[in-house]
C-alpha cells in the first residue's frame, strides 16, 4: 500500500471472513508465480544457449522465442493483476512463493499484523510490524478481549 493511502485495518473476525476470497487469490498467485518462475528459468536457459550458437541457428527459432517471451509477459501481467486484487482488499502480500499475507490491525492504538499462510485454516497468528514471520505469535496466547495481546502481554523493546 503506497504512502498517503488510507490503510485498512482488520479485526480477527474480518480477516477470517475475508479468507475464502483471499485464499483463492493467494492460491492463484502462488501457482502463477511458480509457473512464471519456471517458464522464465527455461527461457533464460534458451537465451544462454542461443548466445553461443551461430547467427543462422539463432534466427531459426527467433520468432518462436519472441512469442514465448510475449506469453511470459502476459503471464507476469496476470500475476500482477492477482497481486493488485489482493492489495485492493487491503491485504499485504509478504511472501509470493509461500503465500504469506498480513492483515493490518489495531490493538490499543498500536498497529500490528494479523498473519496468515496459505494452507492454514484461519488467521491464527499476529506479529509486530517489524517482527515479520519469525516474530509470529499465536492469537490464542493473547489476553485482550479481541484475542490479541495488549501492551502488558507483549515485550516490546
N, C-alpha and C. Protein backbone atom coordinates (compact mmCIF):
# COMPACT_ATOMS: atom_id res chain seq x y z
N UNK A 1 0.85 -1.17 0.00
CA UNK A 1 0.00 0.00 0.00
C UNK A 1 0.89 1.23 0.00
N UNK A 2 0.69 2.14 -0.89
CA UNK A 2 1.55 3.31 -1.04
C UNK A 2 1.33 4.29 0.11
N UNK A 3 2.37 5.05 0.42
CA UNK A 3 2.25 6.07 1.45
C UNK A 3 1.17 7.06 1.06
N UNK A 4 0.44 7.53 2.07
CA UNK A 4 -0.60 8.50 1.81
C UNK A 4 -1.96 7.87 1.54
N UNK A 5 -1.98 6.58 1.22
CA UNK A 5 -3.26 5.91 1.02
C UNK A 5 -3.86 5.58 2.37
N UNK A 6 -5.18 5.51 2.42
CA UNK A 6 -5.84 5.09 3.64
C UNK A 6 -5.54 3.62 3.88
N UNK A 7 -5.14 3.31 5.10
CA UNK A 7 -4.85 1.93 5.45
C UNK A 7 -6.14 1.27 5.92
N UNK A 8 -6.32 0.04 5.56
CA UNK A 8 -7.46 -0.73 6.03
C UNK A 8 -6.99 -1.54 7.23
N UNK A 9 -7.78 -1.49 8.28
CA UNK A 9 -7.48 -2.26 9.47
C UNK A 9 -8.53 -3.36 9.62
N UNK A 10 -8.07 -4.55 9.93
CA UNK A 10 -8.94 -5.71 10.06
C UNK A 10 -9.04 -6.14 11.51
N UNK A 11 -10.22 -6.54 11.92
CA UNK A 11 -10.36 -7.30 13.16
C UNK A 11 -10.05 -8.75 12.81
N UNK A 12 -9.90 -9.58 13.82
CA UNK A 12 -9.67 -11.00 13.56
C UNK A 12 -10.85 -11.58 12.79
N UNK A 13 -12.05 -11.21 13.19
CA UNK A 13 -13.25 -11.72 12.52
C UNK A 13 -13.29 -11.27 11.06
N UNK A 14 -12.99 -10.00 10.80
CA UNK A 14 -12.99 -9.50 9.42
C UNK A 14 -11.93 -10.22 8.57
N UNK A 15 -10.76 -10.44 9.14
CA UNK A 15 -9.71 -11.14 8.40
C UNK A 15 -10.15 -12.57 8.08
N UNK A 16 -10.72 -13.25 9.05
CA UNK A 16 -11.18 -14.62 8.81
C UNK A 16 -12.35 -14.66 7.83
N UNK A 17 -13.23 -13.67 7.88
CA UNK A 17 -14.34 -13.60 6.93
C UNK A 17 -13.84 -13.36 5.50
N UNK A 18 -12.72 -12.66 5.37
CA UNK A 18 -12.15 -12.38 4.05
C UNK A 18 -11.36 -13.57 3.49
N UNK A 19 -11.07 -14.56 4.34
CA UNK A 19 -10.20 -15.66 3.93
C UNK A 19 -10.67 -16.45 2.72
N UNK A 20 -11.95 -16.74 2.54
CA UNK A 20 -12.30 -17.51 1.33
C UNK A 20 -11.83 -16.84 0.04
N UNK A 21 -12.03 -15.54 -0.07
CA UNK A 21 -11.57 -14.81 -1.25
C UNK A 21 -10.05 -14.69 -1.26
N UNK A 22 -9.47 -14.33 -0.11
CA UNK A 22 -8.02 -14.17 -0.01
C UNK A 22 -7.33 -15.50 -0.32
N UNK A 23 -7.87 -16.58 0.21
CA UNK A 23 -7.29 -17.91 -0.03
C UNK A 23 -7.25 -18.23 -1.53
N UNK A 24 -8.35 -17.94 -2.22
CA UNK A 24 -8.42 -18.21 -3.66
C UNK A 24 -7.42 -17.35 -4.43
N UNK A 25 -7.33 -16.08 -4.09
CA UNK A 25 -6.40 -15.18 -4.77
C UNK A 25 -4.96 -15.60 -4.50
N UNK A 26 -4.66 -15.89 -3.24
CA UNK A 26 -3.29 -16.27 -2.88
C UNK A 26 -2.90 -17.59 -3.54
N UNK A 27 -3.83 -18.54 -3.60
CA UNK A 27 -3.54 -19.80 -4.29
C UNK A 27 -3.22 -19.54 -5.76
N UNK A 28 -3.98 -18.64 -6.39
CA UNK A 28 -3.70 -18.27 -7.78
C UNK A 28 -2.33 -17.61 -7.91
N UNK A 29 -2.00 -16.74 -6.97
CA UNK A 29 -0.71 -16.04 -7.00
C UNK A 29 0.44 -17.04 -6.89
N UNK A 30 0.35 -17.94 -5.91
CA UNK A 30 1.43 -18.91 -5.70
C UNK A 30 1.61 -19.80 -6.92
N UNK A 31 0.50 -20.28 -7.47
CA UNK A 31 0.56 -21.15 -8.66
C UNK A 31 1.12 -20.40 -9.87
N UNK A 32 0.62 -19.19 -10.09
CA UNK A 32 1.08 -18.40 -11.24
C UNK A 32 2.55 -18.02 -11.08
N UNK A 33 2.95 -17.67 -9.86
CA UNK A 33 4.35 -17.32 -9.61
C UNK A 33 5.27 -18.51 -9.89
N UNK A 34 4.87 -19.69 -9.46
CA UNK A 34 5.68 -20.89 -9.73
C UNK A 34 5.79 -21.14 -11.23
N UNK A 35 4.67 -21.01 -11.93
CA UNK A 35 4.67 -21.23 -13.39
C UNK A 35 5.52 -20.18 -14.10
N UNK A 36 5.38 -18.93 -13.70
CA UNK A 36 6.16 -17.85 -14.32
C UNK A 36 7.65 -18.04 -14.04
N UNK A 37 7.98 -18.40 -12.81
CA UNK A 37 9.39 -18.60 -12.45
C UNK A 37 10.00 -19.74 -13.26
N UNK A 38 9.26 -20.83 -13.39
CA UNK A 38 9.75 -21.98 -14.17
C UNK A 38 9.93 -21.60 -15.64
N UNK A 39 8.93 -20.92 -16.19
CA UNK A 39 9.00 -20.54 -17.60
C UNK A 39 10.14 -19.54 -17.84
N UNK A 40 10.31 -18.60 -16.91
CA UNK A 40 11.39 -17.61 -17.05
C UNK A 40 12.74 -18.31 -16.99
N UNK A 41 12.88 -19.27 -16.10
CA UNK A 41 14.13 -20.01 -15.99
C UNK A 41 14.45 -20.76 -17.28
N UNK A 42 13.44 -21.42 -17.84
CA UNK A 42 13.64 -22.14 -19.11
C UNK A 42 13.99 -21.17 -20.24
N UNK A 43 13.32 -20.02 -20.24
CA UNK A 43 13.59 -19.02 -21.27
C UNK A 43 15.02 -18.49 -21.16
N UNK A 44 15.47 -18.26 -19.93
CA UNK A 44 16.84 -17.80 -19.72
C UNK A 44 17.85 -18.84 -20.21
N UNK A 45 17.55 -20.12 -19.99
CA UNK A 45 18.44 -21.19 -20.47
C UNK A 45 18.50 -21.18 -22.00
N UNK A 46 17.35 -21.00 -22.63
CA UNK A 46 17.31 -20.95 -24.10
C UNK A 46 18.12 -19.77 -24.60
N UNK A 47 17.94 -18.61 -23.97
CA UNK A 47 18.70 -17.42 -24.38
C UNK A 47 20.19 -17.66 -24.25
N UNK A 48 20.59 -18.28 -23.13
CA UNK A 48 22.02 -18.55 -22.91
C UNK A 48 22.57 -19.48 -23.98
N UNK A 49 21.81 -20.52 -24.31
CA UNK A 49 22.30 -21.46 -25.33
C UNK A 49 22.31 -20.83 -26.71
N UNK A 50 21.37 -19.93 -26.98
CA UNK A 50 21.32 -19.26 -28.28
C UNK A 50 22.50 -18.32 -28.46
N UNK A 51 22.94 -17.71 -27.37
CA UNK A 51 24.04 -16.74 -27.49
C UNK A 51 25.34 -17.43 -27.90
N UNK A 52 25.42 -18.74 -27.66
CA UNK A 52 26.64 -19.46 -28.04
C UNK A 52 26.52 -20.11 -29.42
N UNK A 53 25.34 -19.98 -30.06
CA UNK A 53 25.13 -20.57 -31.38
C UNK A 53 25.46 -19.57 -32.48
N UNK A 54 25.55 -20.10 -33.69
CA UNK A 54 25.80 -19.23 -34.84
C UNK A 54 24.57 -18.37 -35.12
N UNK A 55 24.75 -17.32 -35.85
CA UNK A 55 23.66 -16.38 -36.18
C UNK A 55 22.51 -17.08 -36.90
N UNK A 56 22.80 -17.97 -37.83
CA UNK A 56 21.75 -18.67 -38.58
C UNK A 56 20.89 -19.53 -37.68
N UNK A 57 21.51 -20.21 -36.72
CA UNK A 57 20.75 -21.05 -35.79
C UNK A 57 19.88 -20.18 -34.89
N UNK A 58 20.37 -19.01 -34.52
CA UNK A 58 19.59 -18.10 -33.68
C UNK A 58 18.34 -17.64 -34.41
N UNK A 59 18.48 -17.32 -35.68
CA UNK A 59 17.34 -16.83 -36.46
C UNK A 59 16.29 -17.91 -36.67
N UNK A 60 16.71 -19.17 -36.64
CA UNK A 60 15.81 -20.28 -36.88
C UNK A 60 14.64 -20.28 -35.89
N UNK A 61 14.92 -19.99 -34.63
CA UNK A 61 13.88 -20.03 -33.61
C UNK A 61 13.58 -18.65 -33.02
N UNK A 62 14.08 -17.61 -33.65
CA UNK A 62 13.90 -16.26 -33.14
C UNK A 62 12.45 -15.86 -32.98
N UNK A 63 11.64 -16.17 -33.98
CA UNK A 63 10.22 -15.79 -33.93
C UNK A 63 9.49 -16.56 -32.83
N UNK A 64 9.80 -17.84 -32.72
CA UNK A 64 9.18 -18.66 -31.68
C UNK A 64 9.58 -18.18 -30.29
N UNK A 65 10.83 -17.83 -30.13
CA UNK A 65 11.32 -17.31 -28.86
C UNK A 65 10.62 -16.00 -28.51
N UNK A 66 10.45 -15.13 -29.49
CA UNK A 66 9.75 -13.86 -29.26
C UNK A 66 8.31 -14.12 -28.80
N UNK A 67 7.67 -15.12 -29.38
CA UNK A 67 6.31 -15.46 -28.99
C UNK A 67 6.26 -15.96 -27.54
N UNK A 68 7.22 -16.78 -27.16
CA UNK A 68 7.28 -17.28 -25.79
C UNK A 68 7.52 -16.12 -24.82
N UNK A 69 8.37 -15.18 -25.21
CA UNK A 69 8.62 -14.01 -24.37
C UNK A 69 7.36 -13.18 -24.19
N UNK A 70 6.58 -13.02 -25.24
CA UNK A 70 5.31 -12.28 -25.15
C UNK A 70 4.33 -13.00 -24.23
N UNK A 71 4.27 -14.32 -24.32
CA UNK A 71 3.40 -15.10 -23.44
C UNK A 71 3.83 -14.94 -21.99
N UNK A 72 5.12 -14.95 -21.75
CA UNK A 72 5.64 -14.76 -20.40
C UNK A 72 5.26 -13.38 -19.88
N UNK A 73 5.38 -12.36 -20.72
CA UNK A 73 4.99 -11.00 -20.31
C UNK A 73 3.51 -10.96 -19.93
N UNK A 74 2.66 -11.67 -20.69
CA UNK A 74 1.23 -11.71 -20.36
C UNK A 74 0.99 -12.42 -19.03
N UNK A 75 1.73 -13.49 -18.79
CA UNK A 75 1.59 -14.21 -17.52
C UNK A 75 2.03 -13.35 -16.35
N UNK A 76 3.10 -12.60 -16.53
CA UNK A 76 3.58 -11.70 -15.48
C UNK A 76 2.54 -10.61 -15.22
N UNK A 77 1.93 -10.09 -16.27
CA UNK A 77 0.88 -9.08 -16.11
C UNK A 77 -0.31 -9.66 -15.36
N UNK A 78 -0.67 -10.90 -15.65
CA UNK A 78 -1.78 -11.56 -14.95
C UNK A 78 -1.43 -11.77 -13.48
N UNK A 79 -0.20 -12.15 -13.21
CA UNK A 79 0.26 -12.29 -11.83
C UNK A 79 0.12 -10.97 -11.09
N UNK A 80 0.51 -9.88 -11.74
CA UNK A 80 0.38 -8.56 -11.12
C UNK A 80 -1.08 -8.20 -10.86
N UNK A 81 -1.98 -8.62 -11.74
CA UNK A 81 -3.41 -8.38 -11.52
C UNK A 81 -3.88 -9.09 -10.25
N UNK A 82 -3.43 -10.31 -10.03
CA UNK A 82 -3.79 -11.03 -8.81
C UNK A 82 -3.27 -10.29 -7.58
N UNK A 83 -2.03 -9.83 -7.65
CA UNK A 83 -1.43 -9.10 -6.53
C UNK A 83 -2.19 -7.81 -6.28
N UNK A 84 -2.53 -7.09 -7.34
CA UNK A 84 -3.30 -5.85 -7.20
C UNK A 84 -4.66 -6.12 -6.56
N UNK A 85 -5.30 -7.21 -6.96
CA UNK A 85 -6.60 -7.57 -6.39
C UNK A 85 -6.48 -7.78 -4.89
N UNK A 86 -5.43 -8.44 -4.46
CA UNK A 86 -5.19 -8.67 -3.04
C UNK A 86 -4.96 -7.35 -2.32
N UNK A 87 -4.13 -6.49 -2.90
CA UNK A 87 -3.83 -5.19 -2.29
C UNK A 87 -5.08 -4.32 -2.22
N UNK A 88 -5.96 -4.41 -3.21
CA UNK A 88 -7.20 -3.63 -3.19
C UNK A 88 -8.11 -4.05 -2.05
N UNK A 89 -7.95 -5.26 -1.57
CA UNK A 89 -8.71 -5.73 -0.41
C UNK A 89 -8.09 -5.21 0.90
N UNK A 90 -6.89 -4.65 0.81
CA UNK A 90 -6.19 -4.17 2.00
C UNK A 90 -5.27 -5.22 2.60
N UNK A 91 -5.03 -6.29 1.87
CA UNK A 91 -4.20 -7.39 2.35
C UNK A 91 -2.81 -7.23 1.75
N UNK A 92 -1.78 -7.44 2.56
CA UNK A 92 -0.40 -7.23 2.13
C UNK A 92 0.29 -8.57 1.88
N UNK A 93 0.74 -8.78 0.66
CA UNK A 93 1.47 -10.00 0.30
C UNK A 93 2.90 -9.87 0.80
N UNK A 94 3.34 -10.85 1.60
CA UNK A 94 4.68 -10.80 2.18
C UNK A 94 5.63 -11.82 1.58
N UNK A 95 5.13 -12.97 1.16
CA UNK A 95 5.98 -14.00 0.54
C UNK A 95 5.21 -14.63 -0.60
N UNK A 96 5.59 -14.28 -1.81
CA UNK A 96 4.84 -14.70 -3.00
C UNK A 96 4.97 -16.19 -3.27
N UNK A 97 6.08 -16.80 -2.90
CA UNK A 97 6.26 -18.22 -3.20
C UNK A 97 5.55 -19.12 -2.19
N UNK A 98 5.39 -18.66 -0.95
CA UNK A 98 4.73 -19.47 0.07
C UNK A 98 3.28 -19.08 0.30
N UNK A 99 2.89 -17.89 -0.14
CA UNK A 99 1.53 -17.45 0.09
C UNK A 99 1.32 -16.88 1.48
N UNK A 100 2.25 -16.07 1.92
CA UNK A 100 2.18 -15.44 3.23
C UNK A 100 1.61 -14.04 3.08
N UNK A 101 0.56 -13.74 3.84
CA UNK A 101 -0.05 -12.42 3.79
C UNK A 101 -0.27 -11.88 5.19
N UNK A 102 -0.35 -10.56 5.28
CA UNK A 102 -0.63 -9.88 6.54
C UNK A 102 -1.86 -9.00 6.38
N UNK A 103 -2.65 -8.96 7.44
CA UNK A 103 -3.79 -8.07 7.55
C UNK A 103 -3.43 -7.06 8.63
N UNK A 104 -3.38 -5.79 8.27
CA UNK A 104 -3.05 -4.76 9.26
C UNK A 104 -4.18 -4.66 10.26
N UNK A 105 -3.83 -4.51 11.53
CA UNK A 105 -4.82 -4.44 12.60
C UNK A 105 -4.38 -3.41 13.63
N UNK A 106 -5.31 -2.97 14.44
CA UNK A 106 -5.02 -2.03 15.52
C UNK A 106 -5.34 -2.70 16.85
N UNK A 107 -4.41 -2.60 17.78
CA UNK A 107 -4.62 -3.10 19.13
C UNK A 107 -4.20 -1.99 20.08
N UNK A 108 -5.16 -1.49 20.84
CA UNK A 108 -4.88 -0.40 21.77
C UNK A 108 -4.16 0.75 21.08
N UNK A 109 -4.58 1.07 19.85
CA UNK A 109 -3.99 2.16 19.09
C UNK A 109 -2.66 1.83 18.45
N UNK A 110 -2.19 0.62 18.62
CA UNK A 110 -0.91 0.17 18.08
C UNK A 110 -1.15 -0.69 16.85
N UNK A 111 -0.41 -0.42 15.77
CA UNK A 111 -0.54 -1.22 14.56
C UNK A 111 0.23 -2.53 14.72
N UNK A 112 -0.43 -3.62 14.35
CA UNK A 112 0.19 -4.94 14.31
C UNK A 112 -0.31 -5.62 13.04
N UNK A 113 0.25 -6.76 12.73
CA UNK A 113 -0.23 -7.56 11.61
C UNK A 113 -0.87 -8.84 12.11
N UNK A 114 -2.03 -9.15 11.54
CA UNK A 114 -2.60 -10.48 11.67
C UNK A 114 -2.00 -11.26 10.51
N UNK A 115 -1.47 -12.42 10.78
CA UNK A 115 -0.64 -13.13 9.81
C UNK A 115 -1.30 -14.44 9.39
N UNK A 116 -1.30 -14.71 8.09
CA UNK A 116 -1.88 -15.95 7.56
C UNK A 116 -1.00 -16.50 6.46
N UNK A 117 -0.85 -17.83 6.44
CA UNK A 117 -0.05 -18.54 5.45
C UNK A 117 -0.95 -19.51 4.72
N UNK A 118 -0.83 -19.54 3.40
CA UNK A 118 -1.63 -20.45 2.58
C UNK A 118 -1.53 -21.86 3.16
N UNK A 119 -2.69 -22.49 3.34
CA UNK A 119 -2.75 -23.82 3.93
C UNK A 119 -3.29 -23.79 5.35
N UNK A 120 -3.20 -22.64 6.02
CA UNK A 120 -3.75 -22.52 7.36
C UNK A 120 -5.26 -22.35 7.26
N UNK A 121 -5.98 -22.92 8.21
CA UNK A 121 -7.44 -22.88 8.19
C UNK A 121 -7.99 -21.48 8.45
N UNK A 122 -7.33 -20.75 9.33
CA UNK A 122 -7.81 -19.41 9.69
C UNK A 122 -6.63 -18.54 10.09
N UNK A 123 -6.93 -17.26 10.28
CA UNK A 123 -5.91 -16.34 10.76
C UNK A 123 -5.71 -16.67 12.24
N UNK A 124 -4.56 -17.18 12.56
CA UNK A 124 -4.32 -17.64 13.92
C UNK A 124 -3.06 -17.07 14.55
N UNK A 125 -2.42 -16.12 13.86
CA UNK A 125 -1.17 -15.56 14.37
C UNK A 125 -1.16 -14.04 14.17
N UNK A 126 -0.30 -13.40 14.91
CA UNK A 126 -0.09 -11.96 14.77
C UNK A 126 1.39 -11.69 14.98
N UNK A 127 1.85 -10.51 14.59
CA UNK A 127 3.21 -10.08 14.90
C UNK A 127 3.29 -8.57 14.81
N UNK A 128 4.30 -8.03 15.47
CA UNK A 128 4.58 -6.61 15.39
C UNK A 128 4.95 -6.27 13.95
N UNK A 129 4.78 -5.02 13.56
CA UNK A 129 5.06 -4.62 12.18
C UNK A 129 6.48 -4.96 11.75
N UNK A 130 7.44 -4.79 12.63
CA UNK A 130 8.83 -5.01 12.27
C UNK A 130 9.28 -6.45 12.48
N UNK A 131 8.49 -7.26 13.15
CA UNK A 131 8.93 -8.60 13.54
C UNK A 131 8.94 -9.60 12.39
N UNK A 132 8.01 -9.47 11.47
CA UNK A 132 7.95 -10.42 10.36
C UNK A 132 7.53 -11.81 10.79
N UNK A 133 7.66 -12.74 9.86
CA UNK A 133 7.20 -14.11 10.07
C UNK A 133 7.87 -14.75 11.28
N UNK A 134 9.14 -14.47 11.49
CA UNK A 134 9.88 -15.06 12.61
C UNK A 134 9.30 -14.63 13.96
N UNK A 135 8.61 -13.49 13.98
CA UNK A 135 8.03 -12.99 15.22
C UNK A 135 6.58 -13.36 15.43
N UNK A 136 6.07 -14.28 14.60
CA UNK A 136 4.66 -14.68 14.71
C UNK A 136 4.37 -15.26 16.09
N UNK A 137 3.22 -14.86 16.61
CA UNK A 137 2.74 -15.38 17.89
C UNK A 137 1.30 -15.83 17.71
N UNK A 138 0.93 -16.84 18.44
CA UNK A 138 -0.42 -17.37 18.36
C UNK A 138 -1.42 -16.36 18.91
N UNK A 139 -2.54 -16.22 18.24
CA UNK A 139 -3.61 -15.37 18.75
C UNK A 139 -4.21 -15.96 20.02
N UNK A 140 -4.13 -17.26 20.17
CA UNK A 140 -4.69 -17.93 21.35
C UNK A 140 -3.95 -17.56 22.62
N UNK A 141 -2.71 -17.10 22.49
CA UNK A 141 -1.91 -16.72 23.66
C UNK A 141 -2.31 -15.36 24.19
N UNK A 142 -3.10 -14.58 23.44
CA UNK A 142 -3.47 -13.23 23.84
C UNK A 142 -4.48 -13.21 24.96
N UNK A 143 -4.54 -12.10 25.65
CA UNK A 143 -5.50 -11.98 26.74
C UNK A 143 -6.46 -10.81 26.54
N UNK A 144 -6.27 -10.04 25.49
CA UNK A 144 -7.19 -8.93 25.23
C UNK A 144 -8.54 -9.50 24.80
N UNK A 145 -9.57 -8.73 24.93
CA UNK A 145 -10.92 -9.21 24.63
C UNK A 145 -11.07 -9.64 23.18
N UNK A 146 -10.29 -9.09 22.28
CA UNK A 146 -10.40 -9.47 20.87
C UNK A 146 -9.45 -10.60 20.50
N UNK A 147 -8.77 -11.16 21.49
CA UNK A 147 -7.88 -12.28 21.23
C UNK A 147 -6.44 -11.87 20.96
N UNK A 148 -6.19 -10.59 20.77
CA UNK A 148 -4.83 -10.13 20.57
C UNK A 148 -4.23 -9.71 21.90
N UNK A 149 -2.94 -9.83 22.05
CA UNK A 149 -2.32 -9.39 23.29
C UNK A 149 -2.38 -7.88 23.42
N UNK A 150 -2.44 -7.42 24.65
CA UNK A 150 -2.36 -5.98 24.85
C UNK A 150 -0.92 -5.64 25.23
N UNK A 151 -0.64 -4.36 25.49
CA UNK A 151 0.73 -3.93 25.76
C UNK A 151 1.35 -4.68 26.93
N UNK A 152 0.56 -5.05 27.94
CA UNK A 152 1.11 -5.73 29.10
C UNK A 152 1.53 -7.16 28.79
N UNK A 153 1.00 -7.73 27.69
CA UNK A 153 1.33 -9.11 27.32
C UNK A 153 2.48 -9.20 26.34
N UNK A 154 2.91 -8.09 25.79
CA UNK A 154 3.90 -8.12 24.73
C UNK A 154 5.16 -7.41 25.19
N UNK A 155 6.28 -8.10 25.10
CA UNK A 155 7.56 -7.50 25.43
C UNK A 155 8.07 -6.78 24.20
N UNK A 156 7.93 -5.46 24.20
CA UNK A 156 8.42 -4.66 23.08
C UNK A 156 9.53 -3.78 23.60
N UNK A 157 10.71 -3.94 23.02
CA UNK A 157 11.85 -3.14 23.48
C UNK A 157 12.12 -2.01 22.55
